[in-house]
Protein backbone atom coordinates (compact mmCIF):
# COMPACT_ATOMS: atom_id res chain seq x y z
CA UNK A 1 16.96 59.10 3.26
CA UNK A 2 15.31 62.47 3.74
CA UNK A 3 12.30 63.90 1.97
CA UNK A 4 13.77 65.00 -1.35
CA UNK A 5 11.62 68.13 -1.73
CA UNK A 6 11.85 69.49 1.83
CA UNK A 7 14.53 71.82 3.13
CA UNK A 8 15.14 73.71 6.37
CA UNK A 9 12.58 76.48 5.80
CA UNK A 10 10.83 75.61 2.54
CA UNK A 11 9.43 72.75 0.53
CA UNK A 12 8.75 72.35 -3.16
CA UNK A 13 5.28 71.34 -4.31
CA UNK A 14 3.30 70.96 -7.52
CA UNK A 15 2.40 74.17 -9.31
CA UNK A 16 -1.21 75.32 -9.28
CA UNK A 17 -1.68 77.79 -12.13
CA UNK A 18 -4.59 79.60 -10.48
CA UNK A 19 -2.86 80.03 -7.12
CA UNK A 20 0.40 81.13 -8.75
CA UNK A 21 -1.37 83.50 -11.13
CA UNK A 22 -3.22 85.27 -8.32
CA UNK A 23 -0.09 85.53 -6.15
CA UNK A 24 2.07 86.72 -9.04
CA UNK A 25 -0.53 89.32 -10.01
CA UNK A 26 -0.90 90.60 -6.44
CA UNK A 27 2.84 90.84 -5.87
CA UNK A 28 3.42 92.11 -9.40
CA UNK A 29 2.21 95.50 -8.24
CA UNK A 30 5.72 95.85 -6.84
CA UNK A 31 7.68 96.81 -9.97
CA UNK A 32 10.97 95.67 -8.41
CA UNK A 33 9.81 92.04 -8.65
CA UNK A 34 9.60 92.33 -12.46
CA UNK A 35 12.95 94.08 -12.67
CA UNK A 36 14.61 91.27 -10.73
CA UNK A 37 12.97 88.46 -12.69
CA UNK A 38 13.20 89.57 -16.31
CA UNK A 39 14.41 91.91 -18.99
CA UNK A 40 11.03 93.06 -20.27
CA UNK A 41 9.57 96.43 -19.31
CA UNK A 42 7.71 96.45 -16.00
CA UNK A 43 3.95 96.26 -16.35
CA UNK A 44 1.22 94.92 -14.12
CA UNK A 45 -0.67 91.76 -15.08
CA UNK A 46 -4.21 90.93 -14.12
CA UNK A 47 -4.82 87.75 -12.17
CA UNK A 48 -6.68 86.36 -15.18
CA UNK A 49 -3.72 87.01 -17.51
CA UNK A 50 -1.22 85.59 -15.02
CA UNK A 51 -3.33 82.44 -14.52
CA UNK A 52 -3.56 82.02 -18.29
CA UNK A 53 0.24 82.42 -18.58
CA UNK A 54 0.92 79.72 -15.96
CA UNK A 55 -1.71 77.38 -17.47
CA UNK A 56 -0.15 77.75 -20.92
CA UNK A 57 3.37 77.28 -19.55
CA UNK A 58 2.41 74.12 -17.66
CA UNK A 59 0.49 72.71 -20.64
CA UNK A 60 2.92 73.53 -23.45
CA UNK A 61 6.13 72.88 -21.60
CA UNK A 62 5.02 69.85 -19.64
CA UNK A 63 7.73 67.45 -20.77
CA UNK A 64 10.13 65.18 -18.92
CA UNK A 65 12.77 67.89 -19.46
CA UNK A 66 10.86 70.64 -17.59
CA UNK A 67 10.37 70.56 -13.84
CA UNK A 68 8.21 73.30 -12.29
CA UNK A 69 7.60 73.71 -8.56
CA UNK A 70 5.89 76.09 -6.18
CA UNK A 71 7.95 77.17 -3.19
CA UNK A 72 6.13 76.96 0.16
CA UNK A 73 7.14 78.03 3.67
CA UNK A 74 7.44 75.09 6.03
CA UNK A 75 6.14 77.15 8.96
CA UNK A 76 2.68 77.83 7.51
CA UNK A 77 2.56 76.30 4.01
CA UNK A 78 2.07 79.72 2.36
CA UNK A 79 3.09 80.17 -1.25
CA UNK A 80 6.41 82.02 -1.53
CA UNK A 81 7.16 81.76 -5.24
CA UNK A 82 8.29 79.31 -7.89
CA UNK A 83 11.37 77.52 -9.14
CA UNK A 84 11.97 75.57 -12.33
CA UNK A 85 14.61 73.34 -13.86
CA UNK A 86 14.73 73.14 -17.65
CA UNK A 87 17.00 70.45 -19.10
CA UNK A 88 18.90 71.96 -22.01
CA UNK A 89 18.42 70.51 -25.51
CA UNK A 90 18.53 66.85 -24.61
CA UNK A 91 19.30 64.50 -21.77
CA UNK A 92 22.69 63.63 -23.27
CA UNK A 93 24.35 66.79 -21.97
CA UNK A 94 22.68 66.45 -18.55
CA UNK A 95 22.68 70.23 -18.13
CA UNK A 96 19.80 72.42 -16.97
CA UNK A 97 18.92 76.06 -16.42
CA UNK A 98 17.25 77.01 -13.15
CA UNK A 99 15.00 80.00 -12.49
CA UNK A 100 13.69 81.12 -9.12
CA UNK A 101 11.36 83.85 -7.90
CA UNK A 102 10.21 84.80 -4.40
CA UNK A 103 7.15 86.97 -5.01
CA UNK A 104 6.48 89.08 -1.91
CA UNK A 105 8.98 91.71 -0.79
CA UNK A 106 8.37 90.82 2.86
CA UNK A 107 9.75 87.34 2.12
CA UNK A 108 12.96 88.62 0.49
CA UNK A 109 16.23 88.36 2.37
CA UNK A 110 15.02 85.63 4.74
CA UNK A 111 16.85 82.70 3.18
CA UNK A 112 13.81 81.17 1.47
CA UNK A 113 15.36 81.45 -1.98
CA UNK A 114 18.65 79.91 -0.86
CA UNK A 115 16.84 77.02 0.80
CA UNK A 116 14.60 76.42 -2.23
CA UNK A 117 17.64 76.50 -4.51
CA UNK A 118 19.40 73.92 -2.34
CA UNK A 119 16.34 71.65 -2.61
CA UNK A 120 16.24 72.12 -6.39
CA UNK A 121 19.94 71.28 -6.66
CA UNK A 122 19.45 68.13 -4.56
CA UNK A 123 16.62 67.14 -6.93
CA UNK A 124 18.74 67.99 -9.99
CA UNK A 125 21.83 66.07 -8.94
CA UNK A 126 20.31 63.09 -7.11
CA UNK A 127 16.97 62.49 -8.83
CA UNK A 128 17.64 63.74 -12.37
CA UNK A 129 21.35 62.83 -12.30
CA UNK A 130 22.33 66.12 -13.95
CA UNK A 131 25.94 67.18 -14.49
CA UNK A 132 25.54 70.98 -14.37
CA UNK A 133 22.96 73.58 -13.36
CA UNK A 134 23.25 77.10 -14.78
CA UNK A 135 21.43 80.37 -14.15
CA UNK A 136 21.56 84.01 -15.16
CA UNK A 137 21.32 86.96 -12.79
CA UNK A 138 21.44 90.72 -13.27
CA UNK A 139 24.31 92.74 -11.85
CA UNK A 140 21.80 94.94 -9.99
CA UNK A 141 20.56 91.97 -7.92
CA UNK A 142 23.36 91.47 -5.34
CA UNK A 143 20.98 89.74 -2.89
CA UNK A 144 20.33 86.96 -5.43
CA UNK A 145 24.02 86.71 -6.32
CA UNK A 146 24.91 86.16 -2.63
CA UNK A 147 22.12 83.59 -2.32
CA UNK A 148 23.35 81.65 -5.36
CA UNK A 149 26.93 81.74 -4.09
CA UNK A 150 25.73 80.33 -0.73
CA UNK A 151 24.13 77.46 -2.66
CA UNK A 152 27.49 76.77 -4.35
CA UNK A 153 27.16 78.57 -7.70
CA UNK A 154 30.25 80.17 -9.22
CA UNK A 155 30.31 83.06 -11.68
CA UNK A 156 31.22 81.63 -15.09
CA UNK A 157 30.64 84.43 -17.54
CA UNK A 158 29.29 87.87 -18.18
CA UNK A 159 27.35 89.57 -20.94
CA UNK A 160 28.67 93.07 -20.44
CA UNK A 161 26.15 95.90 -20.55
CA UNK A 162 23.42 93.48 -21.66
CA UNK A 163 20.50 95.39 -20.17
CA UNK A 164 19.42 99.02 -20.08
CA UNK A 165 17.49 100.03 -16.94
CA UNK A 166 17.14 103.52 -15.46
CA UNK A 167 19.44 104.98 -18.09
CA UNK A 168 22.33 102.68 -17.11
CA UNK A 169 23.75 99.59 -18.74
CA UNK A 170 23.95 96.50 -16.50
CA UNK A 171 25.83 93.23 -16.89
CA UNK A 172 24.14 89.84 -17.01
CA UNK A 173 26.10 87.16 -15.12
CA UNK A 174 26.11 83.45 -15.88
CA UNK A 175 26.58 81.27 -12.82
CA UNK A 176 26.86 77.51 -12.62
CA UNK A 177 27.44 74.59 -10.33
CA UNK A 178 28.74 71.14 -11.27
CA UNK A 179 27.58 67.91 -9.70
CA UNK A 180 30.99 67.23 -8.13
CA UNK A 181 31.06 70.73 -6.59
CA UNK A 182 27.60 70.18 -5.12
CA UNK A 183 28.64 66.77 -3.75
CA UNK A 184 31.62 68.35 -1.93
CA UNK A 185 29.24 70.82 -0.25
CA UNK A 186 26.65 68.11 0.52
CA UNK A 187 28.51 64.91 1.48
């Protein structure tokens, strides 16, 4: 039995609102991070506001259905970003949404997100005994789409022209992976 929350290049750890808030604020100066993570207009956040956001999120949404983790590099334990699993509606469906963010541009494209997602899926399917994990991703984020496909996700749906950015309409893709698909990839 291996350590459930450790992968090849990353590990998942408990969230620290202050640490995450400062890192998110520092890396939030790069407007592309916001564009990749959400639909709202890009705007910088102070460290104080970001810390308050993470504190509120951890306090209000701290239920058995919500699982929040920091992503850390195995090589030096530095904070890379965050990942969360939110069980949908109730435990009866055994479905969850996953969200992932790698904060610093210099850490993008190095496989950290793929590794963290693989750890989160192992946690979802072996520890939480979920049936499905779903995510959404913007059409203009091909790096994330490739990463999710490497982890085993398949495109399941599309909200056509769901988002307006830079004067262009972009699709929002739904991707999912079922427990049995994950088991085939991870015997």
